[in-house]
């Protein structure tokens, strides 16, 4: 695979990103208590695919600002054109993807970022659920794992519901959590054509099952029956 080197402009890497992370983290800490568990599972300084559940628009800024190291973030292209969100996306410099279509440019950028040693944040559901229930994963995350060969780090986010802002500014201070699982390696994708697609979907669902195991039962949605707890993941 012939890829262009991944490059983050110096002004963004050394000025904009630290500023965005600092301001966002300060805002979240003012609005809510924050709990991060499983830091020991992060393979610091190495490339990995950070897979999260996606409840609301608060998820990416929360995880980007509170994650212990810098991550690249894959996000819907339309976010760059929304008031507020667009400015943050431009300043931080995520990877825009056109949902619902095969976006070769976005995929190449993801592979380039991973090969340059950077972790990449992905929401396998492909969009927000708008409630705590997890939705079915898209197979794209499994394709990225298949092509790159890098491990997946499952992360469960709790508390970033659509009404988080309303609760926070009214003094309720809802708890925000990042629950970090152990890195996982997926089974090889087998077959051709429809069989290969089904194999990728099984891997995408497996990632979601690991994420579900990190979450409360009322967050698991369609993966309630297949959730893999952290103790199972370690076997």
Protein backbone atom coordinates (compact mmCIF):
# COMPACT_ATOMS: atom_id res chain seq x y z
CA UNK A 1 0.00 0.00 0.00
CA UNK A 2 1.61 3.25 -1.19
CA UNK A 3 0.68 5.93 1.33
CA UNK A 4 1.68 9.55 1.78
CA UNK A 5 3.48 10.31 5.07
CA UNK A 6 1.08 11.48 7.77
CA UNK A 7 1.73 15.10 8.64
CA UNK A 8 0.29 17.36 11.34
CA UNK A 9 1.30 21.04 10.88
CA UNK A 10 3.59 22.33 13.62
CA UNK A 11 1.17 25.11 14.63
CA UNK A 12 -1.57 22.52 15.17
CA UNK A 13 0.59 19.95 16.93
CA UNK A 14 2.34 22.33 19.32
CA UNK A 15 -0.22 25.14 19.75
CA UNK A 16 -3.78 24.38 18.66
CA UNK A 17 -4.04 20.82 19.94
CA UNK A 18 -2.60 21.47 23.42
CA UNK A 19 -4.83 24.56 23.70
CA UNK A 20 -7.98 22.68 22.61
CA UNK A 21 -7.23 19.76 24.94
CA UNK A 22 -6.51 22.02 27.90
CA UNK A 23 -9.61 24.19 27.47
CA UNK A 24 -11.95 21.25 26.86
CA UNK A 25 -10.59 19.26 29.78
CA UNK A 26 -10.97 22.28 32.07
CA UNK A 27 -14.59 22.71 30.98
CA UNK A 28 -15.40 19.03 31.55
CA UNK A 29 -13.71 19.08 34.97
CA UNK A 30 -15.72 22.15 35.99
CA UNK A 31 -18.99 20.60 34.83
CA UNK A 32 -18.53 17.05 36.10
CA UNK A 33 -16.34 14.64 38.05
CA UNK A 34 -14.21 12.49 35.74
CA UNK A 35 -13.13 8.91 36.34
CA UNK A 36 -10.65 7.07 34.11
CA UNK A 37 -9.98 3.37 34.70
CA UNK A 38 -7.71 0.98 32.84
CA UNK A 39 -4.87 3.40 32.01
CA UNK A 40 -2.47 0.49 32.38
CA UNK A 41 -4.00 -1.07 29.26
CA UNK A 42 -2.89 1.76 26.95
CA UNK A 43 0.12 0.82 24.77
CA UNK A 44 1.68 4.27 25.06
CA UNK A 45 3.75 5.44 22.13
CA UNK A 46 2.48 2.71 19.82
CA UNK A 47 -0.20 2.68 17.10
CA UNK A 48 -3.59 1.21 17.94
CA UNK A 49 -7.23 1.63 16.99
CA UNK A 50 -9.17 3.20 19.82
CA UNK A 51 -12.79 2.00 19.45
CA UNK A 52 -15.50 3.70 21.49
CA UNK A 53 -19.27 3.63 21.95
CA UNK A 54 -20.87 6.80 20.61
CA UNK A 55 -23.81 8.28 22.52
CA UNK A 56 -23.64 12.01 21.79
CA UNK A 57 -21.61 14.89 20.35
CA UNK A 58 -19.79 15.16 23.69
CA UNK A 59 -17.95 11.86 23.20
CA UNK A 60 -15.11 12.91 20.84
CA UNK A 61 -14.16 16.11 22.71
CA UNK A 62 -14.34 14.26 26.04
CA UNK A 63 -12.09 11.41 24.98
CA UNK A 64 -9.68 13.63 23.00
CA UNK A 65 -9.21 16.06 25.89
CA UNK A 66 -8.95 13.45 28.66
CA UNK A 67 -7.03 10.70 26.87
CA UNK A 68 -3.52 10.39 28.36
CA UNK A 69 -1.81 10.82 24.96
CA UNK A 70 -2.60 12.54 21.67
CA UNK A 71 -4.88 10.64 19.32
CA UNK A 72 -5.99 11.19 15.76
CA UNK A 73 -9.78 11.18 15.40
CA UNK A 74 -11.97 9.92 12.58
CA UNK A 75 -15.18 11.96 12.31
CA UNK A 76 -18.12 12.65 10.02
CA UNK A 77 -17.19 15.19 7.33
CA UNK A 78 -20.29 17.28 8.04
CA UNK A 79 -18.97 18.12 11.51
CA UNK A 80 -16.40 20.46 9.88
CA UNK A 81 -19.30 22.60 8.61
CA UNK A 82 -21.25 22.91 11.86
CA UNK A 83 -21.03 26.00 14.12
CA UNK A 84 -18.82 25.41 17.13
CA UNK A 85 -18.02 21.80 16.30
CA UNK A 86 -16.48 22.84 12.99
CA UNK A 87 -14.06 25.24 14.65
CA UNK A 88 -12.92 22.59 17.13
CA UNK A 89 -12.54 20.00 14.37
CA UNK A 90 -10.48 22.41 12.27
CA UNK A 91 -8.26 23.48 15.16
CA UNK A 92 -7.61 19.94 16.35
CA UNK A 93 -7.35 18.52 12.84
CA UNK A 94 -9.26 15.25 12.75
CA UNK A 95 -9.77 12.91 9.80
CA UNK A 96 -13.06 13.66 8.00
CA UNK A 97 -14.95 10.72 6.50
CA UNK A 98 -18.00 10.81 4.24
CA UNK A 99 -20.42 8.42 5.87
CA UNK A 100 -22.44 5.98 3.81
CA UNK A 101 -19.85 5.72 1.04
CA UNK A 102 -16.46 4.17 0.38
CA UNK A 103 -14.12 7.01 1.33
CA UNK A 104 -10.71 5.95 0.04
CA UNK A 105 -9.04 9.23 1.01
CA UNK A 106 -10.16 8.91 4.62
CA UNK A 107 -9.05 5.28 4.79
CA UNK A 108 -5.63 6.09 3.37
CA UNK A 109 -5.24 8.87 5.94
CA UNK A 110 -6.15 6.48 8.75
CA UNK A 111 -3.63 3.89 7.52
CA UNK A 112 -0.99 6.58 7.13
CA UNK A 113 -1.59 7.84 10.69
CA UNK A 114 -1.38 4.33 12.13
CA UNK A 115 1.79 3.52 10.21
CA UNK A 116 3.36 6.72 11.50
CA UNK A 117 2.85 5.39 15.03
CA UNK A 118 -0.27 7.34 16.01
CA UNK A 119 -3.37 5.91 17.69
CA UNK A 120 -6.64 6.58 15.84
CA UNK A 121 -10.06 7.08 17.48
CA UNK A 122 -13.01 5.40 15.74
CA UNK A 123 -16.70 4.97 16.59
CA UNK A 124 -17.62 1.57 15.03
CA UNK A 125 -21.34 2.43 15.12
CA UNK A 126 -20.69 5.07 12.47
CA UNK A 127 -22.70 7.75 14.26
CA UNK A 128 -24.37 8.75 17.50
CA UNK A 129 -27.01 6.54 19.10
CA UNK A 130 -28.59 9.57 20.88
CA UNK A 131 -29.35 7.30 23.83
CA UNK A 132 -27.31 4.95 25.98
CA UNK A 133 -28.16 1.83 23.94
CA UNK A 134 -25.39 0.67 21.62
CA UNK A 135 -26.30 0.29 17.94
CA UNK A 136 -24.99 -2.33 15.52
CA UNK A 137 -21.46 -1.71 14.27
CA UNK A 138 -20.57 -0.97 10.67
CA UNK A 139 -17.96 -3.34 9.16
CA UNK A 140 -15.55 -0.49 8.34
CA UNK A 141 -13.64 -0.77 11.60
CA UNK A 142 -12.94 -4.46 10.89
CA UNK A 143 -11.65 -3.57 7.42
CA UNK A 144 -9.25 -1.04 8.96
CA UNK A 145 -7.99 -3.63 11.44
CA UNK A 146 -7.67 -6.24 8.67
CA UNK A 147 -5.67 -3.95 6.40
CA UNK A 148 -3.48 -2.36 9.08
CA UNK A 149 -2.83 -5.30 11.40
CA UNK A 150 -2.82 -3.09 14.49
CA UNK A 151 -4.61 -4.00 17.75
CA UNK A 152 -7.92 -2.58 18.91
CA UNK A 153 -8.26 -0.87 22.29
CA UNK A 154 -11.93 -1.00 23.40
CA UNK A 155 -13.16 1.98 25.41
CA UNK A 156 -16.51 2.46 27.11
CA UNK A 157 -17.75 6.01 27.68
CA UNK A 158 -20.36 6.59 30.38
CA UNK A 159 -22.27 9.78 31.19
CA UNK A 160 -22.04 11.74 27.93
CA UNK A 161 -25.76 11.62 27.22
CA UNK A 162 -27.54 14.21 25.06
CA UNK A 163 -28.77 15.93 28.24
CA UNK A 164 -25.30 16.11 29.80
CA UNK A 165 -24.95 19.85 29.22
CA UNK A 166 -28.41 20.59 30.66
CA UNK A 167 -27.65 18.52 33.76
CA UNK A 168 -24.18 20.01 34.21
CA UNK A 169 -25.14 23.69 33.97
CA UNK A 170 -27.95 23.07 36.46
CA UNK A 171 -25.46 21.82 39.03
CA UNK A 172 -26.14 18.10 38.82
CA UNK A 173 -22.51 17.29 37.87
CA UNK A 174 -23.15 13.87 36.26
CA UNK A 175 -20.19 11.49 36.47
CA UNK A 176 -18.19 11.06 33.26
CA UNK A 177 -16.20 7.86 32.83
CA UNK A 178 -13.63 6.40 30.46
CA UNK A 179 -13.37 2.66 30.93
CA UNK A 180 -10.36 1.32 29.05
CA UNK A 181 -10.16 -2.36 28.17
CA UNK A 182 -7.19 -4.50 27.21
CA UNK A 183 -5.92 -4.48 23.60
CA UNK A 184 -7.51 -7.19 21.48
CA UNK A 185 -6.45 -8.97 18.32
CA UNK A 186 -9.25 -9.99 15.97
CA UNK A 187 -9.56 -13.33 14.16
CA UNK A 188 -8.40 -13.40 10.56
CA UNK A 189 -10.99 -12.40 7.97
CA UNK A 190 -11.85 -15.43 5.88
CA UNK A 191 -13.46 -16.17 2.52
CA UNK A 192 -14.33 -14.03 -0.46
CA UNK A 193 -17.25 -11.86 -1.52
CA UNK A 194 -20.25 -12.16 0.80
CA UNK A 195 -18.38 -14.55 3.10
CA UNK A 196 -15.63 -12.00 3.59
CA UNK A 197 -18.17 -9.27 4.33
CA UNK A 198 -19.85 -11.49 6.91
CA UNK A 199 -16.48 -12.25 8.48
CA UNK A 200 -15.71 -8.54 8.77
CA UNK A 201 -19.11 -7.90 10.32
CA UNK A 202 -18.46 -10.62 12.91
CA UNK A 203 -15.19 -8.92 13.81
CA UNK A 204 -16.86 -5.52 14.06
CA UNK A 205 -19.50 -7.05 16.32
CA UNK A 206 -16.76 -8.69 18.39
CA UNK A 207 -15.18 -5.28 19.00
CA UNK A 208 -18.55 -3.96 20.14
CA UNK A 209 -18.99 -6.94 22.46
CA UNK A 210 -15.73 -6.04 24.19
CA UNK A 211 -16.87 -2.42 24.50
CA UNK A 212 -20.25 -3.57 25.83
CA UNK A 213 -18.49 -5.56 28.54
CA UNK A 214 -16.99 -2.31 29.85
CA UNK A 215 -20.37 -0.58 30.06
CA UNK A 216 -23.35 -0.72 32.43
CA UNK A 217 -26.11 -3.07 31.31
CA UNK A 218 -28.41 -0.21 30.26
CA UNK A 219 -25.75 0.95 27.76
CA UNK A 220 -25.24 -2.34 25.92
CA UNK A 221 -28.20 -2.22 23.55
CA UNK A 222 -27.99 -4.82 20.76
CA UNK A 223 -24.83 -6.26 22.35
CA UNK A 224 -26.42 -7.02 25.73
CA UNK A 225 -26.38 -10.77 25.13
CA UNK A 226 -22.87 -10.90 23.66
CA UNK A 227 -21.04 -8.54 26.04
CA UNK A 228 -17.55 -9.73 26.97
CA UNK A 229 -16.55 -8.69 30.47
CA UNK A 230 -12.98 -7.52 31.24
CA UNK A 231 -12.35 -10.75 33.16
CA UNK A 232 -13.36 -12.81 30.12
CA UNK A 233 -11.23 -10.59 27.87
CA UNK A 234 -8.16 -11.36 29.93
CA UNK A 235 -8.47 -15.14 29.44
